Amino acid sequence: MTPQTPPTRYRAHASGSAHGHIVEATSFETAALAFTEDHAALAADGEVRVIVQSEDGGPEHCFVVHMDEGDVEACG
């Protein structure tokens, strides 16, 4: 049995919005997906840009979440 990574707390908000939430996830990518599933309004094209940062600070990471497929990719 492979040990699971314990959840970490992240701050996440939709790009262009200062209003964010704390989410618990095992990676920046899964935090972006969890935030989008729970808090973000869907964009007309089914994509949402999410900014994620460790609760302790550090660099921000930008992701595009494709709601139809549940895919997450780095902003580019």
Protein backbone atom coordinates (compact mmCIF):
# COMPACT_ATOMS: atom_id res chain seq x y z
CA MET A 1 0.00 0.00 0.00
CA THR A 2 1.42 3.39 -1.03
CA PRO A 3 1.30 6.05 1.69
CA GLN A 4 -0.91 8.99 0.75
CA THR A 5 0.32 12.56 0.88
CA PRO A 6 -1.48 14.38 3.69
CA PRO A 7 -3.56 17.38 2.59
CA THR A 8 -1.99 20.83 2.69
CA ARG A 9 -3.88 24.10 3.09
CA TYR A 10 -3.84 26.44 0.09
CA ARG A 11 -5.34 29.84 -0.69
CA ALA A 12 -7.18 29.88 -4.00
CA HIS A 13 -9.13 32.51 -5.92
CA ALA A 14 -10.43 32.99 -9.43
CA SER A 15 -8.17 35.13 -11.60
CA GLY A 16 -9.32 38.75 -11.45
CA SER A 17 -10.98 38.30 -8.06
CA ALA A 18 -9.48 39.19 -4.71
CA HIS A 19 -12.02 37.02 -2.87
CA GLY A 20 -10.51 33.61 -2.16
CA HIS A 21 -10.93 30.57 0.00
CA ILE A 22 -8.77 28.13 1.91
CA VAL A 23 -8.85 24.63 0.42
CA GLU A 24 -7.18 21.44 1.58
CA ALA A 25 -5.55 19.40 -1.17
CA THR A 26 -2.52 17.23 -1.92
CA SER A 27 -1.07 19.54 -4.61
CA PHE A 28 -1.45 22.97 -6.17
CA GLU A 29 -3.28 21.38 -9.11
CA THR A 30 -5.80 19.52 -6.97
CA ALA A 31 -6.33 22.69 -4.92
CA ALA A 32 -7.24 24.56 -8.14
CA LEU A 33 -9.70 21.83 -9.11
CA ALA A 34 -11.23 21.66 -5.62
CA PHE A 35 -11.66 25.43 -5.51
CA THR A 36 -13.33 25.48 -8.92
CA GLU A 37 -15.69 22.63 -8.05
CA ASP A 38 -16.72 24.30 -4.77
CA HIS A 39 -16.51 28.06 -5.32
CA ALA A 40 -15.87 29.45 -8.79
CA ALA A 41 -18.57 30.53 -11.22
CA LEU A 42 -18.18 28.82 -14.58
CA ALA A 43 -16.79 30.82 -17.45
CA ALA A 44 -18.81 30.89 -20.67
CA ASP A 45 -16.27 28.64 -22.38
CA GLY A 46 -16.10 26.12 -19.53
CA GLU A 47 -12.64 27.24 -18.41
CA VAL A 48 -11.76 28.94 -15.14
CA ARG A 49 -8.40 30.49 -14.27
CA VAL A 50 -7.46 29.89 -10.64
CA ILE A 51 -4.57 31.36 -8.64
CA VAL A 52 -3.25 29.07 -5.89
CA GLN A 53 -0.73 29.81 -3.15
CA SER A 54 0.39 27.85 -0.13
CA GLU A 55 -1.33 29.13 3.01
CA ASP A 56 2.15 29.81 4.41
CA GLY A 57 2.97 32.14 1.51
CA GLY A 58 5.39 31.66 -1.34
CA PRO A 59 4.85 32.05 -5.06
CA GLU A 60 1.42 32.07 -6.65
CA HIS A 61 0.61 29.41 -9.25
CA CYS A 62 -1.90 30.00 -12.05
CA PHE A 63 -3.97 27.14 -13.48
CA VAL A 64 -6.68 26.79 -16.10
CA VAL A 65 -9.36 24.32 -15.05
CA HIS A 66 -11.37 22.83 -17.91
CA MET A 67 -14.69 22.10 -16.25
CA ASP A 68 -16.07 19.72 -18.88
CA GLU A 69 -13.11 17.35 -18.67
CA GLY A 70 -11.92 18.10 -15.13
CA ASP A 71 -8.45 18.77 -16.54
CA VAL A 72 -6.03 21.21 -14.93
CA GLU A 73 -3.09 22.83 -16.71
CA ALA A 74 -0.68 25.63 -15.92
CA CYS A 75 -1.60 29.04 -17.34
CA GLY A 76 0.40 29.75 -20.43
